[in-house]
Amino acid sequence: MPDEPGATPKPLPDAAFVVLALLAEGESYGYEIQKRVHDRGFRFWTNLQRSSIYNALALLEKERLVSARMRSGAGPARKTYRITRRGAERLRRDGLRHLTEPDHPRSEIDLGVYALPFLPRPEAAQAFEQGLRHLRGREAFLKERLAWCTARGLTIPALAFERPLLALQAEITWLERVAAEYRAGAEANPKDWTRYVYRDPPAG
């Protein structure tokens, strides 16, 4: 349902935001959008499956952020989408929000650490090493992509790889330290949380 007049619209879901940004480049249709999502590696950063792309298009059309029309060509007619003025304004608003109010970072490692006191120590130590190998593989991929983009002067794509690379390298450094301390016999006490005092995080 379109937003009520005067109401501040809720941020678009990630899939809808990405699709809207792609349509800001020009009119397109579902399969072409899917191909761009794949070719640009958007699935590496956010959950964008085939069904979510079409669901995003339906949402954007329902909220009048895009308009649709049937376009004839060499093959069957295709339903193509174009960003509207309302959509361009929403893209501006949500894009600025993503820059000014980034979400709190979350990682599956946090869940594993929470369960650490209840895991067999040899298996947990092995899991740390496997996790590090996994992260280093991702690090190598990001380094290669960043270097590829930089060598070709692709500034925005390079930034898209640089930020997650730096964040990943910090995570690897942290996990290396934790794994070393755990191997050295650091205690994982489930009662630690009973002494924790809750504090509200910053708003937003």
Protein backbone atom coordinates (compact mmCIF):
# COMPACT_ATOMS: atom_id res chain seq x y z
CA MET A 1 0.00 0.00 0.00
CA PRO A 2 1.36 3.47 -0.84
CA ASP A 3 2.50 5.56 2.10
CA GLU A 4 -0.04 7.83 3.75
CA PRO A 5 0.24 11.50 2.75
CA GLY A 6 2.73 13.27 5.00
CA ALA A 7 4.02 10.03 6.51
CA THR A 8 7.71 9.18 6.43
CA PRO A 9 7.99 6.07 4.25
CA LYS A 10 9.59 2.98 5.70
CA PRO A 11 12.95 2.09 4.15
CA LEU A 12 12.63 -0.22 1.18
CA PRO A 13 13.74 -3.83 1.63
CA ASP A 14 17.29 -4.37 0.36
CA ALA A 15 16.13 -6.22 -2.76
CA ALA A 16 13.70 -3.45 -3.71
CA PHE A 17 16.34 -0.77 -3.13
CA VAL A 18 18.87 -2.53 -5.37
CA VAL A 19 16.28 -3.07 -8.12
CA LEU A 20 15.22 0.58 -7.91
CA ALA A 21 18.85 1.69 -8.20
CA LEU A 22 19.33 -0.53 -11.25
CA LEU A 23 16.24 0.97 -12.88
CA ALA A 24 17.64 4.44 -12.24
CA GLU A 25 20.22 3.52 -14.90
CA GLY A 26 17.46 3.05 -17.46
CA GLU A 27 14.36 1.09 -18.42
CA SER A 28 14.73 -2.66 -18.06
CA TYR A 29 12.86 -5.94 -17.68
CA GLY A 30 12.99 -8.81 -15.20
CA TYR A 31 15.50 -11.12 -16.84
CA GLU A 32 17.85 -8.25 -17.68
CA ILE A 33 17.73 -7.08 -14.05
CA GLN A 34 18.51 -10.62 -12.88
CA LYS A 35 21.53 -10.71 -15.17
CA ARG A 36 22.84 -7.39 -13.84
CA VAL A 37 22.38 -8.59 -10.25
CA HIS A 38 24.43 -11.68 -11.10
CA ASP A 39 27.08 -9.94 -13.19
CA ARG A 40 27.69 -7.23 -10.60
CA GLY A 41 27.84 -9.66 -7.67
CA PHE A 42 24.99 -8.09 -5.71
CA ARG A 43 24.13 -11.49 -4.22
CA PHE A 44 27.46 -11.33 -2.41
CA TRP A 45 26.22 -8.35 -0.36
CA THR A 46 22.50 -8.94 0.03
CA ASN A 47 19.87 -11.62 -0.31
CA LEU A 48 18.69 -11.31 -3.91
CA GLN A 49 17.18 -14.44 -5.36
CA ARG A 50 15.14 -14.65 -8.55
CA SER A 51 11.85 -14.61 -6.65
CA SER A 52 12.92 -11.62 -4.53
CA ILE A 53 13.66 -9.61 -7.68
CA TYR A 54 10.16 -10.14 -9.05
CA ASN A 55 8.65 -9.52 -5.62
CA ALA A 56 10.66 -6.29 -5.47
CA LEU A 57 9.35 -5.22 -8.88
CA ALA A 58 5.78 -5.90 -7.75
CA LEU A 59 6.32 -3.84 -4.58
CA LEU A 60 7.92 -0.95 -6.46
CA GLU A 61 5.09 -0.90 -8.98
CA LYS A 62 2.46 -1.05 -6.23
CA GLU A 63 4.05 1.93 -4.47
CA ARG A 64 4.26 3.80 -7.79
CA LEU A 65 8.04 3.99 -7.58
CA VAL A 66 8.27 2.40 -11.02
CA SER A 67 5.91 2.27 -13.97
CA ALA A 68 5.50 -0.73 -16.25
CA ARG A 69 4.58 -1.24 -19.89
CA MET A 70 4.63 -4.03 -22.42
CA ARG A 71 7.40 -3.59 -24.98
CA SER A 72 7.47 -5.45 -28.29
CA GLY A 73 10.68 -6.59 -29.95
CA ALA A 74 12.14 -9.40 -31.98
CA GLY A 75 10.70 -11.96 -29.57
CA PRO A 76 7.66 -12.06 -27.28
CA ALA A 77 6.48 -8.79 -25.71
CA ARG A 78 8.17 -8.08 -22.39
CA LYS A 79 6.97 -6.18 -19.36
CA THR A 80 9.53 -3.44 -18.85
CA TYR A 81 9.94 -1.13 -15.89
CA ARG A 82 11.00 2.50 -15.59
CA ILE A 83 11.72 4.51 -12.45
CA THR A 84 9.21 7.29 -11.77
CA ARG A 85 9.87 10.74 -10.32
CA ARG A 86 8.47 9.44 -7.05
CA GLY A 87 10.88 6.49 -7.31
CA ALA A 88 13.87 8.76 -7.95
CA GLU A 89 13.00 10.75 -4.81
CA ARG A 90 12.65 7.54 -2.80
CA LEU A 91 16.00 6.31 -4.12
CA ARG A 92 17.59 9.60 -3.02
CA ARG A 93 16.02 9.41 0.44
CA ASP A 94 16.83 5.77 1.09
CA GLY A 95 20.32 6.08 -0.39
CA LEU A 96 21.14 8.91 2.00
CA ARG A 97 19.68 6.92 4.90
CA HIS A 98 21.94 3.95 4.10
CA LEU A 99 24.94 6.28 4.25
CA THR A 100 23.95 8.19 7.39
CA GLU A 101 22.33 5.39 9.45
CA PRO A 102 24.07 2.11 8.60
CA ASP A 103 22.69 -0.90 10.44
CA HIS A 104 24.55 -2.45 13.35
CA PRO A 105 26.99 -5.02 11.89
CA ARG A 106 25.98 -8.62 12.47
CA SER A 107 27.90 -11.84 11.94
CA GLU A 108 27.14 -15.53 12.30
CA ILE A 109 30.40 -15.75 14.23
CA ASP A 110 28.66 -13.92 17.09
CA LEU A 111 26.17 -16.78 17.39
CA GLY A 112 28.95 -19.36 17.43
CA VAL A 113 30.82 -17.42 20.12
CA TYR A 114 27.69 -17.27 22.25
CA ALA A 115 27.46 -21.08 22.10
CA LEU A 116 31.21 -21.55 22.68
CA PRO A 117 30.93 -22.63 26.35
CA PHE A 118 28.71 -25.54 25.29
CA LEU A 119 30.89 -26.84 22.45
CA PRO A 120 33.53 -29.59 22.82
CA ARG A 121 36.86 -27.79 22.96
CA PRO A 122 38.66 -29.84 20.24
CA GLU A 123 35.74 -29.39 17.83
CA ALA A 124 35.48 -25.67 18.59
CA ALA A 125 39.22 -25.20 18.03
CA GLN A 126 38.93 -26.99 14.68
CA ALA A 127 35.90 -24.85 13.79
CA PHE A 128 37.93 -21.69 14.44
CA GLU A 129 40.57 -22.88 11.96
CA GLN A 130 37.96 -23.79 9.35
CA GLY A 131 36.32 -20.41 9.84
CA LEU A 132 39.64 -18.66 9.29
CA ARG A 133 40.25 -20.61 6.07
CA HIS A 134 36.78 -19.65 4.88
CA LEU A 135 37.33 -15.96 5.64
CA ARG A 136 40.79 -15.95 4.03
CA GLY A 137 39.26 -17.39 0.87
CA ARG A 138 36.77 -14.53 0.80
CA GLU A 139 39.60 -12.09 1.51
CA ALA A 140 41.54 -13.35 -1.53
CA PHE A 141 38.46 -12.94 -3.71
CA LEU A 142 37.84 -9.37 -2.52
CA LYS A 143 41.49 -8.42 -2.99
CA GLU A 144 41.46 -9.71 -6.56
CA ARG A 145 38.22 -7.91 -7.41
CA LEU A 146 39.42 -4.67 -5.82
CA ALA A 147 42.68 -4.81 -7.77
CA TRP A 148 40.78 -5.58 -10.99
CA CYS A 149 38.44 -2.61 -10.53
CA THR A 150 41.23 -0.25 -9.46
CA ALA A 151 43.39 -1.13 -12.46
CA ARG A 152 40.50 -0.13 -14.74
CA GLY A 153 39.60 3.06 -12.93
CA LEU A 154 36.20 1.72 -11.80
CA THR A 155 35.84 3.92 -8.73
CA ILE A 156 32.37 2.96 -7.46
CA PRO A 157 32.78 -0.81 -8.00
CA ALA A 158 36.18 -0.55 -6.27
CA LEU A 159 34.58 1.07 -3.23
CA ALA A 160 32.02 -1.74 -3.15
CA PHE A 161 34.88 -4.22 -2.69
CA GLU A 162 37.19 -2.07 -0.55
CA ARG A 163 34.82 -1.58 2.40
CA PRO A 164 33.93 -5.27 2.87
CA LEU A 165 37.61 -6.18 2.40
CA LEU A 166 38.72 -3.87 5.21
CA ALA A 167 35.91 -5.09 7.46
CA LEU A 168 36.77 -8.72 6.67
CA GLN A 169 40.47 -8.17 7.41
CA ALA A 170 39.57 -6.72 10.81
CA GLU A 171 37.36 -9.77 11.46
CA ILE A 172 40.18 -12.13 10.47
CA THR A 173 42.60 -10.34 12.82
CA TRP A 174 40.07 -10.63 15.65
CA LEU A 175 39.32 -14.30 14.96
CA GLU A 176 43.03 -15.16 14.80
CA ARG A 177 43.50 -13.67 18.28
CA VAL A 178 40.45 -15.40 19.74
CA ALA A 179 41.44 -18.76 18.22
CA ALA A 180 44.98 -18.45 19.59
CA GLU A 181 43.72 -17.59 23.08
CA TYR A 182 41.25 -20.49 22.95
CA ARG A 183 43.97 -22.93 21.88
CA ALA A 184 46.09 -21.64 24.78
CA GLY A 185 43.35 -22.61 27.23
CA ALA A 186 41.24 -19.46 27.61
CA GLU A 187 38.10 -20.21 29.62
CA ALA A 188 34.67 -19.98 27.99
CA ASN A 189 32.39 -19.51 30.98
CA PRO A 190 28.62 -19.52 30.31
CA LYS A 191 28.09 -17.59 33.57
CA ASP A 192 29.82 -14.51 32.18
CA TRP A 193 26.53 -13.34 30.70
CA THR A 194 24.82 -13.46 34.10
CA ARG A 195 27.07 -10.56 35.20
CA TYR A 196 26.44 -8.52 32.05
CA VAL A 197 24.40 -5.32 32.53
CA TYR A 198 22.24 -4.37 29.54
CA ARG A 199 22.56 -0.95 27.96
CA ASP A 200 20.46 0.38 25.05
CA PRO A 201 22.45 0.77 21.83
CA PRO A 202 22.39 4.07 19.92
CA ALA A 203 19.08 4.75 18.21
CA GLY A 204 18.76 3.98 14.51
